[in-house]
Each structure stands twice: as structure tokens, then as C-alpha cells.
Amino acid sequence: MSLFAALTTAITGLNAQQDAIGNISDNIANSQTIGFKGIGTNFENLVTESTPFLNEPGGVVANPLYENSIAGNLTPSQFTTNLAISGQGFFQVKAPPAATSAGQAPNFSSQNLYTQAGDFTVNAQGFLVNGAGYYLTAYPVNPQTNVTDTSQTVPVQISQLVDAPEQTRNVNLSANMPSSYPLDTDPNYTAPPPITEQIFDANGATQTETIQLDHTGANTWNATITDGNPADAATVTLTFGDGTTGPAGTLIGVSSASGNVTTPATPQAAGSAANFSIVQNFGAGAQTVSFNMGTFGTNSSVTQFADSSNQVSSTVTQDGVPRGSFENVSIDLNGFVDVNYTNGQTKAFYQSRRRAVSTIRTSCSGCKARPSAPRSTAVPRKSTHLESMAAARSLPARWRSRMSTSPRSSRS
């Protein structure tokens, strides 16, 4: 080996250190870049021809060591669409779509990319996009059944800006009628204050449901339901146990007194559902409303127990909702992309799942990562490196030929 060749070999060490410092500089420059993966350096010996009697120095090369599988620190965020992965895995995303004409749907590539940059926000077209411009993909979810379709992933786009109203189908009544309350045959009888509840018709309009309770006899009460339409008025009789016939104070029977009422078939066994339904019309078509009062023979919802205030106490809920407008988007711990509406409803339309990827081809800040086979451990091509140097430095042709054909090995 010539003296010049020896000096050139030493220069490979300087070049390798230069590359290593460059990787460190890149790490420092991107210390605040969301999703950036640190780059290490793997120094590898370039072995040429070595025997017990001869060693041809080969030099060293610095190969980048991408730390794509190492999770970064989690940082708090004020945005409900920002995500982070604790542990292994990546978000599956799509590259920005090609430009399309106005009114045309975006044309995304079929290639899936992967990233840990979870700073997703909703863009002007309703897509969830991270800071590097990559589009989050997820499984579609049926918002009515909450069933996730795991057969495909699609870019997440929030286009469901209106939540349709839902008419009231169920009214849940919890109440206690004092056992010592005067009977309605008493000359000084005063009916308890009516129970009112706002319900919704098929158009989402608010209607008022009124339940008037009257103590008509020992262990019996009448409940009269009105909604402002005299044709819809209905009355049911509630019978309570006296300790002999059914447990004392528990509801043991519901029967129709008047109106279009449907009550449970007899015998109304203990433990079965205590309810009745009536058909009402608020101007948007006939609407059947079921009034649920717990179970017969138990103190679950409607009871007749002594009360020191001697007043009816009650709680009423219903399942109808008015029309709602889009409020915001949030993502829960299970990856469901929820749309929240002004009517208090939350519906899931997508489910994002983290993907386990054993290796990926490149380090990326926003994305640009795609799955690949494990990184090769083949020896760096010294001939390419040294021959380019030889061309500039006029190394002897004998050495260039020997370097390009000699055995290869590696050491990290």
C-alpha cells in the first residue's frame, strides 16, 4: 500500500465522523418535531484482504441507524383529535392525494404509510391530517350499530355535520307515592303536583308529557297521561302490594282505565317488566310511547312507601333527542373517532387502530415510512466508496481492482 493510499484510508475515518456528527445535528434540529425518530450511527469496518501475513487497510464507513421503533415522550395537547401511541406501533396514514378538479373526490394512493406523528387536526375538507400533511386512515364504524368494519381502512373524513332527531319511544319513571297520602274521596283532597317531562316528536319538536297521579283507594293509584291533545289522554291503574298480596309497597299490577293503552298481559308475575304504552299524535304521525316503571314485585322504580314529607317524589327520563348540529370531533382511548353534536349526542364513525410494523425503510418526522423486510446486514459496498475516491485521487489501479473483488464482511 502506498503512503497516499494509507492517508486516503485514514480520511474514511474523518468522513465517518463527519456523517455521525451530521446525524447528531439532525437529531438536535428536530428535537421538537412531532413524530421525528432519532438517527444513530453504525460504524462498519471495510475489510479487504487479510491474511496472517498481509493486511490491506480498508477504512470505515458510518451507516445511519434509524430508531423508528423507539417511542418518544408524550406531551399534553389541547386538541381532542391529537393522538399518541404509548409503546410499539404506528398510525396508518395516506400520502396527500393528487390534485383534483372542483367537486371531485380526492384520489388517494393505494399505498399505506406509517407514522407516530399524531398531531391530527380536521382540515377544510373534513379529513384528519397531521402536521406533515398525511391523512389518518381507520376502520369504518356503523354509527347505528357501533359495528366496526375491519375489512378495510379508509381516510377519516368528518362529513356528518347534522344529527337527525329521534322521537321519544321510552319514558322511564321512578316515583314513590306516599302510602299515607289522602284518598281522592276525601272532601279536602288535593291532588299531588303533576309530573311533567319534555319529549320529542318525529320532527324533533319538543312536546310536554304530563302524568297526574291520584290516590284512588287502598294500595291503588291512577296515573293520567296527557299531552295537550285530548284524543291522546289515557289513564292506567297502578296496584301496590300490601304484604299479603305481593311485597308491601311494591308495584304488583298495571291495568287500563281509559284511552288507547296497552298493558302487560296477565298474570303480571313478580320480576317481569312493569310498563304500559300509549299511542300519541303530536301532528307528525302516530307515535307509540312506552312508560317503564321497573319490575313487578320489587322496589326498583315505582313504589308506595311511607314518606315523612307525604309528597310524591319522582324522576323521569326519556330517550328522544332533537336535531343536532356538529360541535367537535374527539378520539377516545379505544381509537373511536367520535362526532359530538349540540344535542348532546356522540356517534362513532371510525376506529383508528395502531399497526405493529417490525421495520420500516426510513426515518420520518411526519410519515414517509412504509413496511419492508428487515434491514439487510450485507457488507457496505467499499468498492463504490473507494473507487470514487480513487478517481479523484488517482489511486493505483491494482488497489482499486483488488478492493472491488475482495471478500466482504462487516463488524458493528
Protein backbone atom coordinates (compact mmCIF):
# COMPACT_ATOMS: atom_id res chain seq x y z
CA MET A 1 0.00 0.00 0.00
CA SER A 2 1.28 3.42 -0.93
CA LEU A 3 1.59 6.25 1.57
CA PHE A 4 -1.12 8.15 -0.29
CA ALA A 5 -3.46 5.15 -0.08
CA ALA A 6 -2.81 4.93 3.65
CA LEU A 7 -3.70 8.59 4.06
CA THR A 8 -6.83 8.10 1.98
CA THR A 9 -7.89 5.21 4.20
CA ALA A 10 -7.48 7.45 7.23
CA ILE A 11 -9.71 10.02 5.56
CA THR A 12 -12.56 7.49 5.63
CA GLY A 13 -12.45 7.79 9.39
CA LEU A 14 -12.84 11.54 9.16
CA ASN A 15 -15.71 11.14 6.73
CA ALA A 16 -17.38 8.63 9.03
CA GLN A 17 -17.10 11.00 11.98
CA GLN A 18 -18.48 13.80 9.81
CA ASP A 19 -21.53 11.66 8.98
CA ALA A 20 -22.01 10.78 12.65
CA ILE A 21 -21.89 14.44 13.68
CA GLY A 22 -24.36 15.19 10.89
CA ASN A 23 -26.78 12.67 12.37
CA ILE A 24 -26.40 14.26 15.81
CA SER A 25 -27.06 17.68 14.29
CA ASP A 26 -30.20 16.34 12.63
CA ASN A 27 -31.42 14.99 15.97
CA ILE A 28 -30.84 18.32 17.69
CA ALA A 29 -32.53 20.29 14.92
CA ASN A 30 -35.63 18.09 15.15
CA SER A 31 -35.82 17.79 18.93
CA GLN A 32 -39.25 19.49 18.87
CA THR A 33 -40.52 17.90 15.65
CA ILE A 34 -43.56 15.74 16.43
CA GLY A 35 -43.02 12.13 15.42
CA PHE A 36 -39.35 12.60 14.43
CA LYS A 37 -37.26 9.48 15.04
CA GLY A 38 -33.68 9.83 16.19
CA ILE A 39 -30.87 8.70 13.90
CA GLY A 40 -27.90 6.85 15.37
CA THR A 41 -24.66 5.87 13.67
CA ASN A 42 -23.34 2.40 13.00
CA PHE A 43 -19.62 2.34 12.21
CA GLU A 44 -18.67 -0.59 9.98
CA ASN A 45 -15.21 -1.80 9.09
CA LEU A 46 -14.39 -2.18 5.40
CA VAL A 47 -12.40 -5.40 5.25
CA THR A 48 -10.47 -6.01 2.06
CA GLU A 49 -7.78 -8.67 2.03
CA SER A 50 -6.48 -10.03 5.32
CA THR A 51 -4.17 -13.00 5.82
CA PRO A 52 -1.78 -14.00 8.61
CA PHE A 53 0.94 -12.23 6.61
CA LEU A 54 -0.84 -9.36 4.90
CA ASN A 55 -3.48 -6.81 5.84
CA GLU A 56 -4.83 -4.30 3.36
CA PRO A 57 -6.39 -1.47 5.39
CA GLY A 58 -9.94 -0.83 4.30
CA GLY A 59 -11.13 2.07 6.39
CA VAL A 60 -14.53 2.64 7.94
CA VAL A 61 -17.97 3.82 6.87
CA ALA A 62 -20.72 5.36 9.02
CA ASN A 63 -24.15 3.98 8.20
CA PRO A 64 -27.29 5.67 9.62
CA LEU A 65 -29.10 3.67 12.28
CA TYR A 66 -32.79 4.60 12.17
CA GLU A 67 -34.52 4.32 15.56
CA ASN A 68 -38.04 4.08 14.15
CA SER A 69 -39.24 1.58 16.75
CA ILE A 70 -38.30 3.70 19.76
CA ALA A 71 -41.25 5.66 21.19
CA GLY A 72 -40.78 9.31 22.05
CA ASN A 73 -42.07 11.21 25.06
CA LEU A 74 -45.78 12.00 25.28
CA THR A 75 -46.71 15.68 25.53
CA PRO A 76 -50.05 17.19 26.62
CA SER A 77 -52.30 18.65 23.94
CA GLN A 78 -55.37 20.87 23.95
CA PHE A 79 -56.74 19.34 20.76
CA THR A 80 -59.19 16.43 21.11
CA THR A 81 -58.05 14.94 17.78
CA ASN A 82 -54.36 14.70 18.72
CA LEU A 83 -53.17 11.14 19.28
CA ALA A 84 -50.15 9.41 20.78
CA ILE A 85 -49.03 5.81 20.99
CA SER A 86 -47.66 4.54 24.27
CA GLY A 87 -45.39 1.66 23.35
CA GLN A 88 -44.92 -0.02 19.99
CA GLY A 89 -46.92 0.66 16.85
CA PHE A 90 -47.68 3.27 14.22
CA PHE A 91 -50.63 5.17 12.85
CA GLN A 92 -51.61 4.10 9.35
CA VAL A 93 -51.87 7.09 7.03
CA LYS A 94 -52.09 8.04 3.35
CA ALA A 95 -49.96 10.48 1.42
CA PRO A 96 -51.67 13.71 0.34
CA PRO A 97 -53.94 12.97 -2.65
CA ALA A 98 -53.25 14.16 -6.15
CA ALA A 99 -54.87 17.41 -7.18
CA THR A 100 -58.43 17.01 -8.47
CA SER A 101 -60.97 19.24 -10.12
CA ALA A 102 -63.55 21.06 -8.04
CA GLY A 103 -66.32 18.74 -6.91
CA GLN A 104 -64.28 15.55 -7.40
CA ALA A 105 -63.43 13.22 -4.55
CA PRO A 106 -59.75 13.06 -3.54
CA ASN A 107 -57.79 10.30 -5.25
CA PHE A 108 -55.60 8.63 -2.64
CA SER A 109 -52.77 6.24 -3.37
CA SER A 110 -53.31 2.58 -2.51
CA GLN A 111 -50.02 2.57 -0.58
CA ASN A 112 -50.26 2.65 3.21
CA LEU A 113 -47.70 4.67 5.13
CA TYR A 114 -46.94 4.64 8.85
CA THR A 115 -46.06 7.30 11.40
CA GLN A 116 -46.06 8.09 15.10
CA ALA A 117 -46.75 11.77 14.47
CA GLY A 118 -50.23 12.04 15.95
CA ASP A 119 -50.85 15.78 15.74
CA PHE A 120 -54.03 15.27 13.71
CA THR A 121 -56.50 18.08 13.14
CA VAL A 122 -59.52 18.49 10.87
CA ASN A 123 -58.68 20.26 7.61
CA ALA A 124 -61.01 22.30 5.40
CA GLN A 125 -62.33 19.18 3.67
CA GLY A 126 -63.07 17.41 6.97
CA PHE A 127 -60.10 14.99 6.82
CA LEU A 128 -57.90 14.28 9.83
CA VAL A 129 -54.41 15.38 8.77
CA ASN A 130 -51.20 15.54 10.80
CA GLY A 131 -48.68 18.36 10.79
CA ALA A 132 -46.75 16.82 7.90
CA GLY A 133 -49.87 16.64 5.73
CA TYR A 134 -50.55 12.91 5.97
CA TYR A 135 -54.13 11.62 6.19
CA LEU A 136 -55.19 9.32 9.03
CA THR A 137 -56.91 6.10 7.94
CA ALA A 138 -59.19 3.96 10.10
CA TYR A 139 -61.84 1.26 10.04
CA PRO A 140 -65.36 2.50 9.20
CA VAL A 141 -67.91 2.17 12.01
CA ASN A 142 -71.69 1.93 11.61
CA PRO A 143 -72.94 4.70 13.95
CA GLN A 144 -76.30 2.97 14.39
CA THR A 145 -74.98 -0.45 15.41
CA ASN A 146 -71.45 0.54 16.55
CA VAL A 147 -70.11 -2.38 14.48
CA THR A 148 -66.58 -1.86 13.15
CA ASP A 149 -65.83 -3.00 9.59
CA THR A 150 -62.31 -4.42 9.85
CA SER A 151 -62.18 -5.48 6.20
CA GLN A 152 -60.85 -2.12 5.02
CA THR A 153 -59.33 1.13 6.14
CA VAL A 154 -60.31 4.48 4.65
CA PRO A 155 -59.17 8.08 5.16
CA VAL A 156 -61.07 9.61 8.08
CA GLN A 157 -63.37 12.37 6.82
CA ILE A 158 -65.89 14.14 9.03
CA SER A 159 -68.90 14.90 6.82
CA GLN A 160 -71.74 14.02 9.21
CA LEU A 161 -72.48 17.60 10.25
CA VAL A 162 -76.14 17.11 11.24
CA ASP A 163 -77.57 14.59 13.67
CA ALA A 164 -81.14 13.66 12.76
CA PRO A 165 -83.76 13.95 15.52
CA GLU A 166 -85.07 10.83 17.21
CA GLN A 167 -88.62 10.66 18.51
CA THR A 168 -89.26 9.60 22.07
CA ARG A 169 -90.02 5.91 22.34
CA ASN A 170 -89.41 5.31 26.04
CA VAL A 171 -90.20 7.29 29.19
CA ASN A 172 -88.59 5.92 32.35
CA LEU A 173 -90.50 6.74 35.52
CA SER A 174 -89.13 6.40 39.05
CA ALA A 175 -91.53 7.57 41.80
CA ASN A 176 -92.69 6.94 45.31
CA MET A 177 -96.35 7.57 46.19
CA PRO A 178 -96.69 8.05 49.97
CA SER A 179 -98.75 5.23 51.50
CA SER A 180 -100.43 7.71 53.89
CA TYR A 181 -101.48 10.19 51.21
CA PRO A 182 -105.20 11.12 51.48
CA LEU A 183 -107.66 9.37 49.17
CA ASP A 184 -109.33 11.35 46.39
CA THR A 185 -112.67 10.72 48.12
CA ASP A 186 -111.60 12.99 50.98
CA PRO A 187 -113.51 16.33 50.77
CA ASN A 188 -110.24 18.14 51.43
CA TYR A 189 -108.30 16.10 48.90
CA THR A 190 -105.64 17.93 46.91
CA ALA A 191 -104.04 16.07 44.04
CA PRO A 192 -100.25 15.83 44.06
CA PRO A 193 -98.46 18.22 41.67
CA PRO A 194 -98.30 16.70 38.17
CA ILE A 195 -95.13 15.14 36.83
CA THR A 196 -94.01 16.76 33.58
CA GLU A 197 -91.38 15.74 31.06
CA GLN A 198 -90.26 17.18 27.73
CA ILE A 199 -90.39 14.60 24.94
CA PHE A 200 -89.77 14.82 21.19
CA ASP A 201 -91.95 14.01 18.21
CA ALA A 202 -90.80 12.60 14.86
CA ASN A 203 -89.71 16.04 13.67
CA GLY A 204 -87.62 16.65 16.77
CA ALA A 205 -90.04 19.24 18.12
CA THR A 206 -90.41 19.48 21.90
CA GLN A 207 -93.70 18.29 23.41
CA THR A 208 -94.82 18.25 27.05
CA GLU A 209 -95.95 14.99 28.62
CA THR A 210 -97.92 15.30 31.88
CA ILE A 211 -98.55 12.50 34.38
CA GLN A 212 -101.17 13.22 37.03
CA LEU A 213 -101.23 10.78 39.97
CA ASP A 214 -104.31 10.33 42.16
CA HIS A 215 -104.72 8.13 45.24
CA THR A 216 -107.97 6.37 44.38
CA GLY A 217 -108.05 3.62 47.04
CA ALA A 218 -106.07 1.47 49.44
CA ASN A 219 -102.92 0.49 47.57
CA THR A 220 -104.22 1.83 44.22
CA TRP A 221 -103.30 4.96 42.27
CA ASN A 222 -104.45 6.26 38.92
CA ALA A 223 -101.94 7.78 36.50
CA THR A 224 -103.50 10.01 33.84
CA ILE A 225 -101.24 10.91 30.89
CA THR A 226 -102.00 13.95 28.74
CA ASP A 227 -100.03 15.74 26.02
CA GLY A 228 -102.28 18.65 25.07
CA ASN A 229 -104.27 16.59 22.58
CA PRO A 230 -107.49 15.40 24.27
CA ALA A 231 -107.66 12.41 21.91
CA ASP A 232 -104.39 11.09 23.33
CA ALA A 233 -105.42 11.18 27.02
CA ALA A 234 -105.14 7.84 28.80
CA THR A 235 -105.39 6.55 32.37
CA VAL A 236 -103.88 3.45 33.96
CA THR A 237 -104.43 1.99 37.42
CA LEU A 238 -101.37 1.07 39.49
CA THR A 239 -101.80 -1.55 42.21
CA PHE A 240 -99.34 -2.00 45.07
CA GLY A 241 -98.72 -4.95 47.38
CA ASP A 242 -99.95 -4.94 50.97
CA GLY A 243 -97.63 -7.63 52.35
CA THR A 244 -100.19 -10.35 51.77
CA THR A 245 -100.73 -9.89 48.08
CA GLY A 246 -97.23 -9.12 46.95
CA PRO A 247 -94.44 -7.44 48.92
CA ALA A 248 -95.68 -4.35 50.75
CA GLY A 249 -95.21 -1.10 48.84
CA THR A 250 -94.11 -2.72 45.58
CA LEU A 251 -95.93 -2.40 42.26
CA ILE A 252 -97.79 -5.63 41.53
CA GLY A 253 -100.24 -4.69 38.78
CA VAL A 254 -100.92 -2.25 35.88
CA SER A 255 -104.32 -2.12 34.19
CA SER A 256 -106.00 0.16 31.68
CA ALA A 257 -108.70 2.53 32.94
CA SER A 258 -109.29 4.58 29.77
CA GLY A 259 -107.72 5.60 26.47
CA ASN A 260 -105.60 3.77 23.93
CA VAL A 261 -103.41 1.95 26.44
CA THR A 262 -101.55 -1.35 26.14
CA THR A 263 -100.57 -3.06 29.40
CA PRO A 264 -98.64 -6.27 30.12
CA ALA A 265 -100.58 -9.49 29.78
CA THR A 266 -101.87 -11.10 32.96
CA PRO A 267 -100.74 -12.66 35.17
CA GLN A 268 -98.16 -9.96 35.77
CA ALA A 269 -95.57 -12.10 37.52
CA ALA A 270 -93.05 -10.77 40.03
CA GLY A 271 -89.81 -9.86 38.32
CA SER A 272 -91.39 -9.19 34.92
CA ALA A 273 -91.27 -5.76 33.28
CA ALA A 274 -93.75 -3.25 34.69
CA ASN A 275 -94.77 -0.92 31.86
CA PHE A 276 -97.55 0.33 29.64
CA SER A 277 -97.65 2.10 26.28
CA ILE A 278 -99.95 4.63 24.70
CA VAL A 279 -100.31 5.92 21.13
CA GLN A 280 -99.96 9.68 20.78
CA ASN A 281 -100.05 12.08 17.83
CA PHE A 282 -98.35 15.45 18.03
CA GLY A 283 -99.04 16.32 14.41
CA ALA A 284 -96.11 14.36 12.95
CA GLY A 285 -97.87 10.99 12.80
CA ALA A 286 -98.81 8.34 15.35
CA GLN A 287 -96.13 7.75 17.95
CA THR A 288 -96.09 4.91 20.47
CA VAL A 289 -94.56 5.85 23.82
CA SER A 290 -93.71 3.18 26.38
CA PHE A 291 -93.71 4.11 30.08
CA ASN A 292 -91.26 1.93 32.02
CA MET A 293 -91.64 1.53 35.79
CA GLY A 294 -89.11 -1.14 36.69
CA THR A 295 -90.27 -4.66 37.54
CA PHE A 296 -93.30 -6.09 39.32
CA GLY A 297 -92.87 -7.15 42.94
CA THR A 298 -89.64 -5.21 43.54
CA ASN A 299 -88.76 -1.77 44.81
CA SER A 300 -86.91 -0.98 41.57
CA SER A 301 -88.67 2.16 40.26
CA VAL A 302 -92.30 2.87 41.24
CA THR A 303 -93.22 2.22 44.87
CA GLN A 304 -95.69 3.12 47.62
CA PHE A 305 -93.75 3.54 50.86
CA ALA A 306 -94.22 5.87 53.80
CA ASP A 307 -92.66 9.29 53.40
CA SER A 308 -92.28 11.91 56.12
CA SER A 309 -92.99 14.73 53.67
CA ASN A 310 -96.13 12.92 52.46
CA GLN A 311 -95.35 14.14 48.94
CA VAL A 312 -94.86 12.29 45.68
CA SER A 313 -91.19 12.20 44.69
CA SER A 314 -90.29 11.35 41.12
CA THR A 315 -87.59 11.24 38.44
CA VAL A 316 -88.38 10.99 34.74
CA THR A 317 -86.08 10.43 31.75
CA GLN A 318 -86.78 9.82 28.07
CA ASP A 319 -84.77 8.67 25.02
CA GLY A 320 -85.74 11.20 22.34
CA VAL A 321 -83.32 13.81 21.00
CA PRO A 322 -83.80 16.97 18.96
CA ARG A 323 -81.93 17.76 15.78
CA GLY A 324 -78.24 18.39 16.48
CA SER A 325 -75.51 20.31 14.69
CA PHE A 326 -71.84 19.42 14.52
CA GLU A 327 -69.92 20.62 17.57
CA ASN A 328 -66.50 18.97 17.54
CA VAL A 329 -64.55 15.76 16.97
CA SER A 330 -62.84 13.69 19.64
CA ILE A 331 -60.99 10.37 19.74
CA ASP A 332 -61.35 8.08 22.75
CA LEU A 333 -58.88 5.65 24.30
CA ASN A 334 -60.14 2.81 22.10
CA GLY A 335 -59.42 4.79 18.95
CA PHE A 336 -63.05 5.58 18.11
CA VAL A 337 -63.39 8.80 16.15
CA ASP A 338 -66.48 10.40 17.71
CA VAL A 339 -68.51 13.26 16.31
CA ASN A 340 -70.11 15.32 19.07
CA TYR A 341 -73.33 17.23 18.40
CA THR A 342 -75.04 20.17 20.06
CA ASN A 343 -77.94 17.93 21.12
CA GLY A 344 -75.63 16.01 23.45
CA GLN A 345 -75.27 13.01 21.17
CA THR A 346 -71.95 11.36 20.35
CA LYS A 347 -71.60 8.97 17.43
CA ALA A 348 -68.58 6.94 16.34
CA PHE A 349 -67.88 6.82 12.60
CA TYR A 350 -64.34 5.39 12.53
CA GLN A 351 -61.96 3.40 14.69
CA SER A 352 -58.24 4.05 14.41
CA ARG A 353 -56.03 1.12 15.25
CA ARG A 354 -52.32 1.23 15.80
CA ARG A 355 -50.35 -1.04 13.49
CA ALA A 356 -47.37 -3.11 14.54
CA VAL A 357 -44.58 -2.80 11.96
CA SER A 358 -41.38 -4.73 12.61
CA THR A 359 -39.15 -2.49 10.47
CA ILE A 360 -39.65 0.44 8.18
CA ARG A 361 -37.42 1.76 5.48
CA THR A 362 -36.67 5.26 6.57
CA SER A 363 -36.78 7.67 9.46
CA CYS A 364 -39.60 10.18 9.16
CA SER A 365 -40.93 13.18 11.02
CA GLY A 366 -44.41 13.35 9.53
CA CYS A 367 -44.54 9.97 7.88
CA LYS A 368 -42.90 8.70 4.69
CA ALA A 369 -42.47 5.31 6.34
CA ARG A 370 -43.63 2.13 4.77
CA PRO A 371 -43.29 -1.53 5.81
CA SER A 372 -40.37 -3.52 4.44
CA ALA A 373 -38.35 -6.62 5.05
CA PRO A 374 -35.81 -6.48 7.89
CA ARG A 375 -32.82 -4.29 7.05
CA SER A 376 -30.05 -6.18 5.33
CA THR A 377 -26.84 -6.91 7.19
CA ALA A 378 -24.81 -7.14 3.99
CA VAL A 379 -21.38 -5.51 3.97
CA PRO A 380 -21.26 -1.92 2.73
CA ARG A 381 -20.00 -1.68 -0.82
CA LYS A 382 -16.50 -0.47 -0.25
CA SER A 383 -15.66 -0.57 -3.95
CA THR A 384 -18.19 2.16 -4.75
CA HIS A 385 -16.87 4.39 -1.95
CA LEU A 386 -13.17 3.89 -2.57
CA GLU A 387 -13.32 3.86 -6.33
CA SER A 388 -15.00 7.24 -6.32
CA MET A 389 -12.16 8.47 -4.12
CA ALA A 390 -9.62 6.77 -6.35
CA ALA A 391 -10.95 8.57 -9.37
CA ALA A 392 -10.33 11.86 -7.62
CA ARG A 393 -7.00 10.91 -6.06
CA SER A 394 -5.62 8.67 -8.83
CA LEU A 395 -5.13 5.61 -6.63
CA PRO A 396 -3.19 2.75 -8.22
CA ALA A 397 -5.36 0.61 -10.49
CA ARG A 398 -4.02 -2.56 -8.81
CA TRP A 399 -5.53 -1.48 -5.45
CA ARG A 400 -8.83 -0.42 -6.98
CA SER A 401 -9.21 -3.81 -8.67
CA ARG A 402 -8.31 -5.71 -5.53
CA MET A 403 -10.77 -3.70 -3.41
CA SER A 404 -13.66 -4.32 -5.77
CA THR A 405 -13.20 -8.09 -5.87
CA SER A 406 -12.02 -8.93 -2.36
CA PRO A 407 -14.19 -10.77 0.21
CA ARG A 408 -16.69 -8.70 2.22
CA SER A 409 -17.52 -8.85 5.91
CA SER A 410 -18.94 -6.46 8.47
CA ARG A 411 -18.47 -5.51 12.07
CA SER A 412 -20.65 -3.11 14.05
